[in-house]
C-alpha atoms as a PDB file:
ATOM      1  CA  MET A   1      77.679 116.439  89.147  1.00  0.00           C
ATOM      2  CA  VAL A   2      77.088 112.735  88.724  1.00  0.00           C
ATOM      3  CA  GLY A   3      76.096 109.690  90.704  1.00  0.00           C
ATOM      4  CA  GLY A   4      75.034 110.106  94.320  1.00  0.00           C
ATOM      5  CA  ASN A   5      75.991 113.760  94.340  1.00  0.00           C
ATOM      6  CA  ALA A   6      73.843 114.820  91.361  1.00  0.00           C
ATOM      7  CA  SER A   7      72.261 118.153  92.212  1.00  0.00           C
ATOM      8  CA  SER A   8      70.582 121.257  90.892  1.00  0.00           C
ATOM      9  CA  VAL A   9      72.535 124.479  90.392  1.00  0.00           C
ATOM     10  CA  THR A  10      71.187 125.832  93.697  1.00  0.00           C
ATOM     11  CA  ASP A  11      72.284 122.856  95.793  1.00  0.00           C
ATOM     12  CA  PHE A  12      75.325 122.976  98.039  1.00  0.00           C
ATOM     13  CA  ILE A  13      77.811 120.158  98.588  1.00  0.00           C
ATOM     14  CA  LEU A  14      78.830 119.361 102.157  1.00  0.00           C
ATOM     15  CA  VAL A  15      82.391 118.047 102.210  1.00  0.00           C
ATOM     16  CA  GLY A  16      81.820 116.417 105.597  1.00  0.00           C
ATOM     17  CA  LEU A  17      83.573 116.059 108.919  1.00  0.00           C
ATOM     18  CA  PHE A  18      87.368 116.043 108.451  1.00  0.00           C
ATOM     19  CA  PRO A  19      87.188 114.425 104.970  1.00  0.00           C
ATOM     20  CA  GLU A  20      90.964 113.895 104.750  1.00  0.00           C
ATOM     21  CA  PHE A  21      91.082 111.975 108.020  1.00  0.00           C
ATOM     22  CA  GLN A  22      92.114 108.370 107.262  1.00  0.00           C
ATOM     23  CA  HIS A  23      89.743 106.779 109.752  1.00  0.00           C
ATOM     24  CA  SER A  24      86.735 108.995 109.020  1.00  0.00           C
ATOM     25  CA  ILE A  25      84.344 106.042 109.349  1.00  0.00           C
ATOM     26  CA  VAL A  26      85.437 105.603 112.983  1.00  0.00           C
ATOM     27  CA  LEU A  27      85.028 109.341 113.602  1.00  0.00           C
ATOM     28  CA  ASP A  28      81.526 109.335 112.106  1.00  0.00           C
ATOM     29  CA  PHE A  29      80.425 106.427 114.286  1.00  0.00           C
ATOM     30  CA  VAL A  30      81.893 108.124 117.368  1.00  0.00           C
ATOM     31  CA  VAL A  31      79.936 111.306 116.563  1.00  0.00           C
ATOM     32  CA  ILE A  32      76.712 109.332 116.070  1.00  0.00           C
ATOM     33  CA  PHE A  33      77.278 107.433 119.327  1.00  0.00           C
ATOM     34  CA  ILE A  34      77.892 110.660 121.277  1.00  0.00           C
ATOM     35  CA  TYR A  35      74.816 112.205 119.655  1.00  0.00           C
ATOM     36  CA  ILE A  36      72.604 109.291 120.736  1.00  0.00           C
ATOM     37  CA  LEU A  37      73.913 109.486 124.306  1.00  0.00           C
ATOM     38  CA  ALA A  38      73.468 113.283 124.409  1.00  0.00           C
ATOM     39  CA  PHE A  39      69.976 113.052 122.900  1.00  0.00           C
ATOM     40  CA  LEU A  40      68.785 110.412 125.375  1.00  0.00           C
ATOM     41  CA  GLY A  41      70.475 112.138 128.316  1.00  0.00           C
ATOM     42  CA  ASN A  42      68.941 115.528 127.558  1.00  0.00           C
ATOM     43  CA  LEU A  43      65.538 114.007 126.814  1.00  0.00           C
ATOM     44  CA  LEU A  44      65.582 112.105 130.111  1.00  0.00           C
ATOM     45  CA  LEU A  45      66.554 115.243 132.006  1.00  0.00           C
ATOM     46  CA  ILE A  46      63.734 117.247 130.417  1.00  0.00           C
ATOM     47  CA  VAL A  47      61.171 114.526 131.208  1.00  0.00           C
ATOM     48  CA  LEU A  48      62.365 114.216 134.814  1.00  0.00           C
ATOM     49  CA  ILE A  49      62.235 117.969 135.431  1.00  0.00           C
ATOM     50  CA  TRP A  50      58.831 118.554 133.893  1.00  0.00           C
ATOM     51  CA  GLY A  51      57.419 115.357 135.374  1.00  0.00           C
ATOM     52  CA  ASP A  52      58.283 116.269 138.974  1.00  0.00           C
ATOM     53  CA  SER A  53      56.461 119.314 140.361  1.00  0.00           C
ATOM     54  CA  GLN A  54      59.120 119.707 143.067  1.00  0.00           C
ATOM     55  CA  LEU A  55      61.636 120.518 140.328  1.00  0.00           C
ATOM     56  CA  HIS A  56      59.551 123.348 138.873  1.00  0.00           C
ATOM     57  CA  THR A  57      61.928 125.942 140.277  1.00  0.00           C
ATOM     58  CA  PRO A  58      63.827 128.593 138.266  1.00  0.00           C
ATOM     59  CA  MET A  59      67.132 126.708 138.400  1.00  0.00           C
ATOM     60  CA  TYR A  60      65.669 123.462 137.057  1.00  0.00           C
ATOM     61  CA  ILE A  61      63.395 125.199 134.542  1.00  0.00           C
ATOM     62  CA  LEU A  62      66.453 126.932 133.102  1.00  0.00           C
ATOM     63  CA  LEU A  63      68.372 123.645 133.143  1.00  0.00           C
ATOM     64  CA  SER A  64      65.563 121.982 131.168  1.00  0.00           C
ATOM     65  CA  GLN A  65      65.701 124.808 128.626  1.00  0.00           C
ATOM     66  CA  LEU A  66      69.461 124.357 128.310  1.00  0.00           C
ATOM     67  CA  SER A  67      68.916 120.640 127.718  1.00  0.00           C
ATOM     68  CA  LEU A  68      66.254 121.440 125.130  1.00  0.00           C
ATOM     69  CA  THR A  69      68.579 123.750 123.197  1.00  0.00           C
ATOM     70  CA  ASP A  70      71.371 121.169 123.316  1.00  0.00           C
ATOM     71  CA  LEU A  71      69.043 118.380 122.173  1.00  0.00           C
ATOM     72  CA  THR A  72      67.624 120.346 119.249  1.00  0.00           C
ATOM     73  CA  LEU A  73      70.983 121.889 118.320  1.00  0.00           C
ATOM     74  CA  THR A  74      72.643 118.517 117.839  1.00  0.00           C
ATOM     75  CA  SER A  75      69.528 117.214 116.072  1.00  0.00           C
ATOM     76  CA  THR A  76      69.825 120.070 113.590  1.00  0.00           C
ATOM     77  CA  ILE A  77      73.275 118.882 112.514  1.00  0.00           C
ATOM     78  CA  VAL A  78      74.035 115.234 113.259  1.00  0.00           C
ATOM     79  CA  PRO A  79      71.121 113.458 111.478  1.00  0.00           C
ATOM     80  CA  LYS A  80      71.972 115.169 108.166  1.00  0.00           C
ATOM     81  CA  THR A  81      75.667 114.395 108.658  1.00  0.00           C
ATOM     82  CA  ALA A  82      74.845 110.754 109.379  1.00  0.00           C
ATOM     83  CA  SER A  83      72.520 110.584 106.361  1.00  0.00           C
ATOM     84  CA  ASN A  84      75.266 111.920 104.097  1.00  0.00           C
ATOM     85  CA  PHE A  85      77.678 109.356 105.510  1.00  0.00           C
ATOM     86  CA  PHE A  86      75.413 106.324 105.034  1.00  0.00           C
ATOM     87  CA  THR A  87      73.921 107.299 101.663  1.00  0.00           C
ATOM     88  CA  GLY A  88      77.038 108.855 100.124  1.00  0.00           C
ATOM     89  CA  LYS A  89      74.906 111.812  99.034  1.00  0.00           C
ATOM     90  CA  ARG A  90      76.614 115.007 100.127  1.00  0.00           C
ATOM     91  CA  THR A  91      74.234 117.584  98.640  1.00  0.00           C
ATOM     92  CA  ILE A  92      71.918 119.870 100.564  1.00  0.00           C
ATOM     93  CA  SER A  93      69.314 122.105  98.956  1.00  0.00           C
ATOM     94  CA  TRP A  94      69.341 125.893  99.214  1.00  0.00           C
ATOM     95  CA  ILE A  95      66.228 125.761 101.429  1.00  0.00           C
ATOM     96  CA  GLY A  96      67.702 122.943 103.510  1.00  0.00           C
ATOM     97  CA  CYS A  97      70.914 124.888 103.981  1.00  0.00           C
ATOM     98  CA  GLY A  98      69.046 128.026 105.046  1.00  0.00           C
ATOM     99  CA  THR A  99      66.843 126.016 107.427  1.00  0.00           C
ATOM    100  CA  GLN A 100      69.821 124.324 109.042  1.00  0.00           C
ATOM    101  CA  SER A 101      71.638 127.639 109.398  1.00  0.00           C
ATOM    102  CA  PHE A 102      68.543 129.311 110.909  1.00  0.00           C
ATOM    103  CA  PHE A 103      67.991 126.663 113.580  1.00  0.00           C
ATOM    104  CA  TYR A 104      71.678 126.447 114.447  1.00  0.00           C
ATOM    105  CA  LEU A 105      71.916 130.215 114.950  1.00  0.00           C
ATOM    106  CA  MET A 106      68.571 130.451 116.760  1.00  0.00           C
ATOM    107  CA  LEU A 107      69.508 127.715 119.219  1.00  0.00           C
ATOM    108  CA  GLY A 108      73.030 129.072 119.670  1.00  0.00           C
ATOM    109  CA  MET A 109      71.823 132.606 120.363  1.00  0.00           C
ATOM    110  CA  SER A 110      69.098 131.348 122.702  1.00  0.00           C
ATOM    111  CA  GLU A 111      71.652 129.257 124.584  1.00  0.00           C
ATOM    112  CA  CYS A 112      73.864 132.329 125.086  1.00  0.00           C
ATOM    113  CA  LEU A 113      70.972 134.130 126.734  1.00  0.00           C
ATOM    114  CA  ILE A 114      69.852 131.109 128.776  1.00  0.00           C
ATOM    115  CA  LEU A 115      73.361 130.596 130.152  1.00  0.00           C
ATOM    116  CA  THR A 116      73.449 134.271 131.139  1.00  0.00           C
ATOM    117  CA  LEU A 117      70.086 133.940 132.879  1.00  0.00           C
ATOM    118  CA  MET A 118      71.331 130.822 134.700  1.00  0.00           C
ATOM    119  CA  ALA A 119      74.330 132.775 136.000  1.00  0.00           C
ATOM    120  CA  TYR A 120      72.012 135.545 137.219  1.00  0.00           C
ATOM    121  CA  ASP A 121      69.815 132.936 138.917  1.00  0.00           C
ATOM    122  CA  ARG A 122      72.835 131.522 140.795  1.00  0.00           C
ATOM    123  CA  TYR A 123      73.997 135.038 141.693  1.00  0.00           C
ATOM    124  CA  VAL A 124      70.658 135.896 143.287  1.00  0.00           C
ATOM    125  CA  ALA A 125      70.434 132.503 145.033  1.00  0.00           C
ATOM    126  CA  VAL A 126      73.910 132.773 146.587  1.00  0.00           C
ATOM    127  CA  CYS A 127      74.460 136.501 147.070  1.00  0.00           C
ATOM    128  CA  ILE A 128      70.955 137.720 148.008  1.00  0.00           C
ATOM    129  CA  PRO A 129      69.083 134.542 149.011  1.00  0.00           C
ATOM    130  CA  LEU A 130      66.398 136.310 151.043  1.00  0.00           C
ATOM    131  CA  ARG A 131      65.182 138.126 147.938  1.00  0.00           C
ATOM    132  CA  TYR A 132      65.449 135.073 145.668  1.00  0.00           C
ATOM    133  CA  PRO A 133      61.719 134.081 145.760  1.00  0.00           C
ATOM    134  CA  THR A 134      60.719 137.650 144.918  1.00  0.00           C
ATOM    135  CA  ILE A 135      63.244 138.303 142.148  1.00  0.00           C
ATOM    136  CA  MET A 136      63.266 134.868 140.514  1.00  0.00           C
ATOM    137  CA  SER A 137      59.529 134.292 140.584  1.00  0.00           C
ATOM    138  CA  PRO A 138      58.106 131.631 138.228  1.00  0.00           C
ATOM    139  CA  ARG A 139      56.412 134.369 136.193  1.00  0.00           C
ATOM    140  CA  PHE A 140      59.654 136.321 135.760  1.00  0.00           C
ATOM    141  CA  CYS A 141      61.550 133.146 134.889  1.00  0.00           C
ATOM    142  CA  LEU A 142      59.052 132.111 132.194  1.00  0.00           C
ATOM    143  CA  HIS A 143      59.089 135.617 130.710  1.00  0.00           C
ATOM    144  CA  MET A 144      62.891 135.584 130.569  1.00  0.00           C
ATOM    145  CA  VAL A 145      62.933 132.134 128.959  1.00  0.00           C
ATOM    146  CA  ALA A 146      60.423 133.298 126.345  1.00  0.00           C
ATOM    147  CA  GLY A 147      62.602 136.354 125.748  1.00  0.00           C
ATOM    148  CA  CYS A 148      65.640 134.125 125.160  1.00  0.00           C
ATOM    149  CA  TRP A 149      63.837 132.091 122.492  1.00  0.00           C
ATOM    150  CA  ILE A 150      62.267 135.131 120.810  1.00  0.00           C
ATOM    151  CA  GLY A 151      65.556 137.034 120.821  1.00  0.00           C
ATOM    152  CA  GLY A 152      67.386 134.053 119.354  1.00  0.00           C
ATOM    153  CA  SER A 153      64.750 133.623 116.652  1.00  0.00           C
ATOM    154  CA  ILE A 154      64.858 137.269 115.571  1.00  0.00           C
ATOM    155  CA  GLY A 155      68.662 137.405 115.491  1.00  0.00           C
ATOM    156  CA  SER A 156      68.853 134.121 113.613  1.00  0.00           C
ATOM    157  CA  PHE A 157      66.287 135.196 111.038  1.00  0.00           C
ATOM    158  CA  ILE A 158      68.271 138.321 110.215  1.00  0.00           C
ATOM    159  CA  HIS A 159      71.595 136.478 110.011  1.00  0.00           C
ATOM    160  CA  THR A 160      70.146 133.698 107.873  1.00  0.00           C
ATOM    161  CA  VAL A 161      68.071 135.572 105.311  1.00  0.00           C
ATOM    162  CA  TYR A 162      70.683 138.214 104.514  1.00  0.00           C
ATOM    163  CA  PRO A 163      73.781 136.029 103.850  1.00  0.00           C
ATOM    164  CA  MET A 164      71.735 133.396 101.990  1.00  0.00           C
ATOM    165  CA  HIS A 165      71.154 135.984  99.256  1.00  0.00           C
ATOM    166  CA  PHE A 166      74.835 136.659  98.621  1.00  0.00           C
ATOM    167  CA  PRO A 167      75.736 135.654  95.022  1.00  0.00           C
ATOM    168  CA  ILE A 168      77.937 132.583  94.599  1.00  0.00           C
ATOM    169  CA  CYS A 169      80.040 132.698  91.452  1.00  0.00           C
ATOM    170  CA  GLY A 170      82.309 129.687  91.863  1.00  0.00           C
ATOM    171  CA  SER A 171      82.176 126.340  93.630  1.00  0.00           C
ATOM    172  CA  ARG A 172      79.203 125.544  95.831  1.00  0.00           C
ATOM    173  CA  GLU A 173      81.293 123.118  97.865  1.00  0.00           C
ATOM    174  CA  ILE A 174      81.089 123.805 101.595  1.00  0.00           C
ATOM    175  CA  HIS A 175      84.193 122.711 103.485  1.00  0.00           C
ATOM    176  CA  HIS A 176      82.192 121.833 106.545  1.00  0.00           C
ATOM    177  CA  PHE A 177      79.729 119.213 107.786  1.00  0.00           C
ATOM    178  CA  PHE A 178      76.747 121.592 107.968  1.00  0.00           C
ATOM    179  CA  CYS A 179      75.584 124.983 106.686  1.00  0.00           C
ATOM    180  CA  GLU A 180      76.632 127.949 108.809  1.00  0.00           C
ATOM    181  CA  VAL A 181      77.154 131.645 108.134  1.00  0.00           C
ATOM    182  CA  PRO A 182      80.992 131.851 108.281  1.00  0.00           C
ATOM    183  CA  VAL A 183      81.447 128.997 105.805  1.00  0.00           C
ATOM    184  CA  LEU A 184      78.724 130.313 103.489  1.00  0.00           C
ATOM    185  CA  ILE A 185      80.364 133.734 103.384  1.00  0.00           C
ATOM    186  CA  LYS A 186      83.538 132.132 102.038  1.00  0.00           C
ATOM    187  CA  LEU A 187      81.630 131.046  98.917  1.00  0.00           C
ATOM    188  CA  SER A 188      80.390 134.520  98.038  1.00  0.00           C
ATOM    189  CA  CYS A 189      82.031 136.545  95.272  1.00  0.00           C
ATOM    190  CA  GLU A 190      80.560 139.781  96.664  1.00  0.00           C
ATOM    191  CA  ASP A 191      82.268 142.155  99.074  1.00  0.00           C
ATOM    192  CA  THR A 192      80.965 141.032 102.472  1.00  0.00           C
ATOM    193  CA  SER A 193      83.125 143.319 104.647  1.00  0.00           C
ATOM    194  CA  VAL A 194      80.132 145.365 105.839  1.00  0.00           C
ATOM    195  CA  TYR A 195      78.202 142.250 106.795  1.00  0.00           C
ATOM    196  CA  GLN A 196      81.256 140.835 108.557  1.00  0.00           C
ATOM    197  CA  LEU A 197      81.344 144.015 110.653  1.00  0.00           C
ATOM    198  CA  VAL A 198      77.673 143.457 111.514  1.00  0.00           C
ATOM    199  CA  VAL A 199      78.523 139.902 112.604  1.00  0.00           C
ATOM    200  CA  VAL A 200      81.300 141.194 114.867  1.00  0.00           C
ATOM    201  CA  VAL A 201      78.929 143.735 116.460  1.00  0.00           C
ATOM    202  CA  THR A 202      76.297 141.010 116.940  1.00  0.00           C
ATOM    203  CA  SER A 203      78.961 138.770 118.484  1.00  0.00           C
ATOM    204  CA  ILE A 204      79.859 141.494 120.977  1.00  0.00           C
ATOM    205  CA  VAL A 205      76.191 141.850 121.968  1.00  0.00           C
ATOM    206  CA  LEU A 206      75.361 138.134 122.145  1.00  0.00           C
ATOM    207  CA  LEU A 207      78.709 136.615 123.117  1.00  0.00           C
ATOM    208  CA  VAL A 208      81.137 139.062 124.720  1.00  0.00           C
ATOM    209  CA  VAL A 209      78.588 140.991 126.814  1.00  0.00           C
ATOM    210  CA  PRO A 210      76.804 137.852 128.168  1.00  0.00           C
ATOM    211  CA  PHE A 211      80.145 136.157 128.845  1.00  0.00           C
ATOM    212  CA  SER A 212      81.359 139.239 130.739  1.00  0.00           C
ATOM    213  CA  LEU A 213      78.141 139.316 132.790  1.00  0.00           C
ATOM    214  CA  ILE A 214      78.499 135.611 133.585  1.00  0.00           C
ATOM    215  CA  ILE A 215      82.112 136.035 134.707  1.00  0.00           C
ATOM    216  CA  ALA A 216      81.103 139.037 136.828  1.00  0.00           C
ATOM    217  CA  SER A 217      78.265 137.016 138.401  1.00  0.00           C
ATOM    218  CA  TYR A 218      80.539 134.125 139.307  1.00  0.00           C
ATOM    219  CA  THR A 219      83.206 136.455 140.651  1.00  0.00           C
ATOM    220  CA  LEU A 220      80.631 137.914 143.041  1.00  0.00           C
ATOM    221  CA  ILE A 221      79.428 134.400 143.904  1.00  0.00           C
ATOM    222  CA  PHE A 222      82.970 133.276 144.644  1.00  0.00           C
ATOM    223  CA  LEU A 223      83.616 136.277 146.895  1.00  0.00           C
ATOM    224  CA  THR A 224      80.346 135.621 148.724  1.00  0.00           C
ATOM    225  CA  VAL A 225      81.033 131.903 149.172  1.00  0.00           C
ATOM    226  CA  LEU A 226      84.403 132.680 150.778  1.00  0.00           C
ATOM    227  CA  HIS A 227      82.512 134.271 153.670  1.00  0.00           C
ATOM    228  CA  VAL A 228      80.191 131.291 154.208  1.00  0.00           C
ATOM    229  CA  ASN A 229      80.866 129.692 157.599  1.00  0.00           C
ATOM    230  CA  SER A 230      79.492 126.272 156.683  1.00  0.00           C
ATOM    231  CA  VAL A 231      82.067 124.152 154.851  1.00  0.00           C
ATOM    232  CA  LYS A 232      79.309 121.914 153.490  1.00  0.00           C
ATOM    233  CA  GLY A 233      77.350 124.901 152.178  1.00  0.00           C
ATOM    234  CA  ARG A 234      80.493 126.346 150.624  1.00  0.00           C
ATOM    235  CA  LYS A 235      81.279 123.084 148.811  1.00  0.00           C
ATOM    236  CA  LYS A 236      77.691 122.725 147.588  1.00  0.00           C
ATOM    237  CA  ALA A 237      77.632 126.251 146.165  1.00  0.00           C
ATOM    238  CA  LEU A 238      80.992 125.857 144.458  1.00  0.00           C
ATOM    239  CA  ALA A 239      80.061 122.434 143.018  1.00  0.00           C
ATOM    240  CA  THR A 240      76.802 123.758 141.577  1.00  0.00           C
ATOM    241  CA  CYS A 241      78.479 126.759 139.984  1.00  0.00           C
ATOM    242  CA  SER A 242      81.669 125.085 138.778  1.00  0.00           C
ATOM    243  CA  SER A 243      79.835 122.719 136.420  1.00  0.00           C
ATOM    244  CA  HIS A 244      77.906 125.643 134.934  1.00  0.00           C
ATOM    245  CA  LEU A 245      81.063 127.714 134.579  1.00  0.00           C
ATOM    246  CA  THR A 246      82.786 124.834 132.763  1.00  0.00           C
ATOM    247  CA  VAL A 247      79.963 124.603 130.215  1.00  0.00           C
ATOM    248  CA  VAL A 248      79.998 128.382 129.839  1.00  0.00           C
ATOM    249  CA  SER A 249      83.735 128.458 129.125  1.00  0.00           C
ATOM    250  CA  LEU A 250      83.573 125.614 126.595  1.00  0.00           C
ATOM    251  CA  PHE A 251      80.588 127.188 124.853  1.00  0.00           C
ATOM    252  CA  PHE A 252      81.593 130.840 124.737  1.00  0.00           C
ATOM    253  CA  GLY A 253      85.326 130.369 124.149  1.00  0.00           C
ATOM    254  CA  PRO A 254      85.159 128.651 120.723  1.00  0.00           C
ATOM    255  CA  ASN A 255      82.179 130.744 119.579  1.00  0.00           C
ATOM    256  CA  ILE A 256      83.898 134.023 120.427  1.00  0.00           C
ATOM    257  CA  PHE A 257      86.959 132.854 118.493  1.00  0.00           C
ATOM    258  CA  ILE A 258      84.843 131.804 115.481  1.00  0.00           C
ATOM    259  CA  TYR A 259      82.669 134.876 115.167  1.00  0.00           C
ATOM    260  CA  MET A 260      85.020 137.586 116.375  1.00  0.00           C
ATOM    261  CA  THR A 261      87.813 136.494 114.032  1.00  0.00           C
ATOM    262  CA  PHE A 262      85.222 135.413 111.453  1.00  0.00           C
ATOM    263  CA  THR A 263      86.464 133.743 108.256  1.00  0.00           C
ATOM    264  CA  SER A 264      89.970 135.029 107.635  1.00  0.00           C
ATOM    265  CA  SER A 265      91.946 133.857 110.646  1.00  0.00           C
ATOM    266  CA  HIS A 266      91.336 130.118 110.794  1.00  0.00           C
ATOM    267  CA  SER A 267      91.249 127.081 108.533  1.00  0.00           C
ATOM    268  CA  PRO A 268      88.242 124.862 107.696  1.00  0.00           C
ATOM    269  CA  GLU A 269      89.720 122.184 109.961  1.00  0.00           C
ATOM    270  CA  GLN A 270      89.799 124.631 112.883  1.00  0.00           C
ATOM    271  CA  ASP A 271      86.205 125.650 112.122  1.00  0.00           C
ATOM    272  CA  GLN A 272      85.064 122.035 112.194  1.00  0.00           C
ATOM    273  CA  ALA A 273      86.897 121.275 115.443  1.00  0.00           C
ATOM    274  CA  LEU A 274      85.477 124.357 117.167  1.00  0.00           C
ATOM    275  CA  PHE A 275      81.936 123.829 115.886  1.00  0.00           C
ATOM    276  CA  SER A 276      82.110 120.175 116.939  1.00  0.00           C
ATOM    277  CA  ALA A 277      83.087 121.233 120.447  1.00  0.00           C
ATOM    278  CA  THR A 278      80.293 123.782 120.842  1.00  0.00           C
ATOM    279  CA  SER A 279      77.662 121.520 119.261  1.00  0.00           C
ATOM    280  CA  SER A 280      78.237 118.535 121.533  1.00  0.00           C
ATOM    281  CA  LEU A 281      78.480 120.038 125.000  1.00  0.00           C
ATOM    282  CA  PRO A 282      76.722 117.908 127.590  1.00  0.00           C
ATOM    283  CA  CYS A 283      74.375 119.636 129.985  1.00  0.00           C
END
């Protein structure tokens, strides 16, 4: 390698976001602009929730955690992408690639669990409101939040360390704008079929099962709301849940497609579009 892309033999080369797109400079500035808005919006929401004691309820605590995962998830990806764009240097070190992959997976897995917990919180609040203070106590909520982060960290550690040790015999060029397991697997010259099966099983546990639980929760909520006599109360419940369900669908849909079909069924362009969608969801 020469010039701005000079690198060691262990470095990877990030091709970038839709490199063949004619107006890539416009796309990059749009991504940076959206990132800044999302960062400030999530940061403001976190500050408002934790700065107001009246908002220290399970629903808002979980919302602040969702904002935190979104803020840190985008910060794991966009600053490096922007740096590559402005400096023209597309390389990323082996350690940097592993670090980026770890945090992306950790935050993604944690968000899956947090979204599931949010659905359970709404289910209890709407379907069994009299037991809500007992079931969703602050202590229980904090324990569940801690469990989401710990579970995400453990799962991410396993799925980062193992694939990062696959041998790479050919090009170290990553047709993506950040390091992630599916795109790294494509570079390996080793048989990864067993690991791909492990990824599918993990996806069922962390994506399909939570998504099914969320859908079941909102189905029960919907059936309960239909029996509410107050029109105002019915609209309030549906409005609160519909925004959450929209985020859930946009988050789980692309991720289930990516990880359940893994690397063989979609192009790099599809990967980038789907990852872009799941990495920039507003809270």
